[in-house]
Amino acid sequence: MNRIIHSILALTTLAASGGCSVAYSSVRQQSDGTYLLTESRSRFLKVQGTMYRCTAAGETMQCRVVALPTAR
């Protein structure tokens, strides 16, 4: 019984924390000199990705959204 209560408390705390990690998992150069960049966001029991098309501007990248996550 004690183990069940601790498990429920741990899952509740994890779900309530709403922690989110972001990773840029893929950068691919295209033939036109632009780059496709994939951003992955991990949340509790859910992973979403956004794709960007970027162009180099000196030391920085100018990016615009190409594809957003679909709503489910």
N, C-alpha and C. Protein backbone atom coordinates (compact mmCIF):
# COMPACT_ATOMS: atom_id res chain seq x y z
N MET A 1 0.83 -1.19 0.00
CA MET A 1 0.00 0.00 0.00
C MET A 1 0.87 1.25 0.00
N ASN A 2 1.91 1.23 0.80
CA ASN A 2 2.82 2.36 0.89
C ASN A 2 3.51 2.62 -0.45
N ARG A 3 3.88 1.54 -1.13
CA ARG A 3 4.54 1.66 -2.44
C ARG A 3 3.60 2.29 -3.46
N ILE A 4 2.33 1.93 -3.42
CA ILE A 4 1.35 2.49 -4.36
C ILE A 4 1.19 3.99 -4.12
N ILE A 5 1.12 4.39 -2.87
CA ILE A 5 0.97 5.82 -2.54
C ILE A 5 2.19 6.60 -3.01
N HIS A 6 3.40 6.06 -2.79
CA HIS A 6 4.60 6.74 -3.24
C HIS A 6 4.66 6.83 -4.76
N SER A 7 4.22 5.79 -5.45
CA SER A 7 4.20 5.81 -6.90
C SER A 7 3.24 6.87 -7.43
N ILE A 8 2.06 6.95 -6.84
CA ILE A 8 1.07 7.96 -7.25
C ILE A 8 1.61 9.36 -7.00
N LEU A 9 2.24 9.58 -5.85
CA LEU A 9 2.82 10.90 -5.55
C LEU A 9 3.93 11.26 -6.53
N ALA A 10 4.76 10.29 -6.88
CA ALA A 10 5.85 10.56 -7.82
C ALA A 10 5.31 10.90 -9.20
N LEU A 11 4.33 10.18 -9.68
CA LEU A 11 3.74 10.46 -10.99
C LEU A 11 3.02 11.81 -10.99
N THR A 12 2.33 12.13 -9.92
CA THR A 12 1.63 13.41 -9.82
C THR A 12 2.62 14.57 -9.84
N THR A 13 3.71 14.42 -9.12
CA THR A 13 4.74 15.46 -9.09
C THR A 13 5.36 15.63 -10.46
N LEU A 14 5.65 14.55 -11.13
CA LEU A 14 6.24 14.61 -12.47
C LEU A 14 5.29 15.27 -13.46
N ALA A 15 4.03 14.93 -13.41
CA ALA A 15 3.04 15.51 -14.32
C ALA A 15 2.81 16.98 -14.03
N ALA A 16 2.82 17.36 -12.78
CA ALA A 16 2.56 18.75 -12.39
C ALA A 16 3.74 19.66 -12.66
N SER A 17 4.94 19.10 -12.70
CA SER A 17 6.12 19.94 -12.90
C SER A 17 6.11 20.56 -14.28
N GLY A 18 5.50 19.88 -15.25
CA GLY A 18 5.40 20.43 -16.60
C GLY A 18 6.74 20.70 -17.24
N GLY A 19 7.75 20.01 -16.80
CA GLY A 19 9.08 20.21 -17.34
C GLY A 19 9.11 19.99 -18.85
N CYS A 20 9.92 20.77 -19.51
CA CYS A 20 9.99 20.69 -20.95
C CYS A 20 11.45 20.81 -21.37
N SER A 21 11.90 19.88 -22.18
CA SER A 21 13.25 20.00 -22.72
C SER A 21 13.16 20.23 -24.22
N VAL A 22 14.07 21.03 -24.73
CA VAL A 22 14.09 21.35 -26.15
C VAL A 22 15.42 20.89 -26.71
N ALA A 23 15.37 20.22 -27.85
CA ALA A 23 16.58 19.78 -28.53
C ALA A 23 16.44 20.06 -30.02
N TYR A 24 17.52 20.51 -30.61
CA TYR A 24 17.55 20.69 -32.06
C TYR A 24 18.22 19.45 -32.61
N SER A 25 17.39 18.55 -33.13
CA SER A 25 17.86 17.20 -33.42
C SER A 25 18.40 17.00 -34.82
N SER A 26 18.12 17.90 -35.73
CA SER A 26 18.56 17.69 -37.09
C SER A 26 18.80 19.02 -37.78
N VAL A 27 19.95 19.15 -38.41
CA VAL A 27 20.26 20.31 -39.24
C VAL A 27 20.75 19.76 -40.57
N ARG A 28 20.02 20.08 -41.64
CA ARG A 28 20.39 19.57 -42.97
C ARG A 28 20.52 20.71 -43.95
N GLN A 29 21.66 20.77 -44.64
CA GLN A 29 21.86 21.80 -45.65
C GLN A 29 21.15 21.38 -46.94
N GLN A 30 20.44 22.32 -47.53
CA GLN A 30 19.71 22.08 -48.76
C GLN A 30 20.53 22.58 -49.95
N SER A 31 20.15 22.17 -51.16
CA SER A 31 20.90 22.55 -52.36
C SER A 31 20.85 24.05 -52.64
N ASP A 32 19.83 24.75 -52.13
CA ASP A 32 19.72 26.20 -52.36
C ASP A 32 20.49 27.02 -51.32
N GLY A 33 21.26 26.37 -50.44
CA GLY A 33 22.07 27.07 -49.45
C GLY A 33 21.36 27.32 -48.13
N THR A 34 20.09 26.96 -48.03
CA THR A 34 19.37 27.10 -46.76
C THR A 34 19.57 25.83 -45.93
N TYR A 35 19.09 25.88 -44.68
CA TYR A 35 19.20 24.74 -43.77
C TYR A 35 17.82 24.41 -43.24
N LEU A 36 17.52 23.13 -43.10
CA LEU A 36 16.30 22.70 -42.41
C LEU A 36 16.71 22.28 -41.00
N LEU A 37 16.04 22.85 -40.02
CA LEU A 37 16.34 22.63 -38.62
C LEU A 37 15.11 22.03 -37.95
N THR A 38 15.28 20.95 -37.21
CA THR A 38 14.18 20.31 -36.50
C THR A 38 14.34 20.55 -35.00
N GLU A 39 13.30 21.12 -34.40
CA GLU A 39 13.27 21.35 -32.96
C GLU A 39 12.30 20.35 -32.34
N SER A 40 12.76 19.62 -31.33
CA SER A 40 11.91 18.65 -30.64
C SER A 40 11.70 19.10 -29.21
N ARG A 41 10.45 19.17 -28.79
CA ARG A 41 10.09 19.52 -27.41
C ARG A 41 9.52 18.29 -26.74
N SER A 42 10.12 17.91 -25.63
CA SER A 42 9.66 16.75 -24.86
C SER A 42 8.91 17.23 -23.64
N ARG A 43 7.70 16.77 -23.51
CA ARG A 43 6.89 17.05 -22.33
C ARG A 43 6.46 15.72 -21.74
N PHE A 44 5.75 15.76 -20.64
CA PHE A 44 5.31 14.54 -19.98
C PHE A 44 4.43 13.73 -20.93
N LEU A 45 4.88 12.58 -21.34
CA LEU A 45 4.18 11.64 -22.24
C LEU A 45 3.88 12.23 -23.61
N LYS A 46 4.64 13.24 -24.07
CA LYS A 46 4.35 13.85 -25.36
C LYS A 46 5.62 14.47 -25.94
N VAL A 47 5.86 14.25 -27.23
CA VAL A 47 6.97 14.87 -27.94
C VAL A 47 6.40 15.56 -29.16
N GLN A 48 6.79 16.84 -29.37
CA GLN A 48 6.33 17.59 -30.52
C GLN A 48 7.54 18.14 -31.26
N GLY A 49 7.41 18.29 -32.56
CA GLY A 49 8.51 18.82 -33.35
C GLY A 49 8.06 19.97 -34.24
N THR A 50 8.94 20.92 -34.45
CA THR A 50 8.70 22.05 -35.33
C THR A 50 9.87 22.11 -36.31
N MET A 51 9.59 22.38 -37.58
CA MET A 51 10.64 22.46 -38.58
C MET A 51 10.81 23.91 -39.02
N TYR A 52 12.07 24.33 -39.14
CA TYR A 52 12.41 25.68 -39.56
C TYR A 52 13.27 25.64 -40.81
N ARG A 53 13.15 26.66 -41.67
CA ARG A 53 14.06 26.85 -42.80
C ARG A 53 14.90 28.07 -42.43
N CYS A 54 16.22 27.89 -42.44
CA CYS A 54 17.13 28.94 -41.98
C CYS A 54 18.12 29.32 -43.07
N THR A 55 18.52 30.59 -43.05
CA THR A 55 19.58 31.08 -43.92
C THR A 55 20.65 31.70 -43.04
N ALA A 56 21.89 31.53 -43.45
CA ALA A 56 23.00 32.09 -42.68
C ALA A 56 23.06 33.59 -42.91
N ALA A 57 23.23 34.34 -41.82
CA ALA A 57 23.36 35.80 -41.88
C ALA A 57 24.55 36.18 -41.02
N GLY A 58 25.74 36.02 -41.57
CA GLY A 58 26.96 36.28 -40.79
C GLY A 58 27.15 35.21 -39.74
N GLU A 59 27.19 35.63 -38.49
CA GLU A 59 27.40 34.72 -37.37
C GLU A 59 26.09 34.13 -36.84
N THR A 60 24.95 34.55 -37.38
CA THR A 60 23.64 34.09 -36.89
C THR A 60 22.88 33.40 -38.00
N MET A 61 21.75 32.83 -37.63
CA MET A 61 20.86 32.19 -38.59
C MET A 61 19.51 32.91 -38.55
N GLN A 62 18.97 33.22 -39.71
CA GLN A 62 17.62 33.78 -39.81
C GLN A 62 16.69 32.62 -40.14
N CYS A 63 15.73 32.34 -39.25
CA CYS A 63 14.88 31.15 -39.40
C CYS A 63 13.41 31.54 -39.45
N ARG A 64 12.64 30.75 -40.20
CA ARG A 64 11.19 30.90 -40.22
C ARG A 64 10.58 29.50 -40.14
N VAL A 65 9.40 29.44 -39.55
CA VAL A 65 8.71 28.17 -39.34
C VAL A 65 8.20 27.64 -40.68
N VAL A 66 8.48 26.37 -40.94
CA VAL A 66 8.00 25.71 -42.14
C VAL A 66 6.85 24.77 -41.80
N ALA A 67 6.96 24.04 -40.69
CA ALA A 67 5.93 23.08 -40.29
C ALA A 67 5.78 23.10 -38.78
N LEU A 68 4.53 23.19 -38.33
CA LEU A 68 4.20 23.18 -36.90
C LEU A 68 3.67 21.81 -36.51
N PRO A 69 3.70 21.50 -35.21
CA PRO A 69 3.11 20.24 -34.76
C PRO A 69 1.60 20.22 -35.04
N THR A 70 1.07 19.06 -35.33
CA THR A 70 -0.36 18.94 -35.57
C THR A 70 -1.09 18.80 -34.25
N ALA A 71 -2.27 19.35 -34.18
CA ALA A 71 -3.08 19.25 -32.96
C ALA A 71 -3.73 17.87 -32.89
N ARG A 72 -3.73 17.29 -31.72
CA ARG A 72 -4.36 15.96 -31.52
C ARG A 72 -5.30 16.00 -30.37
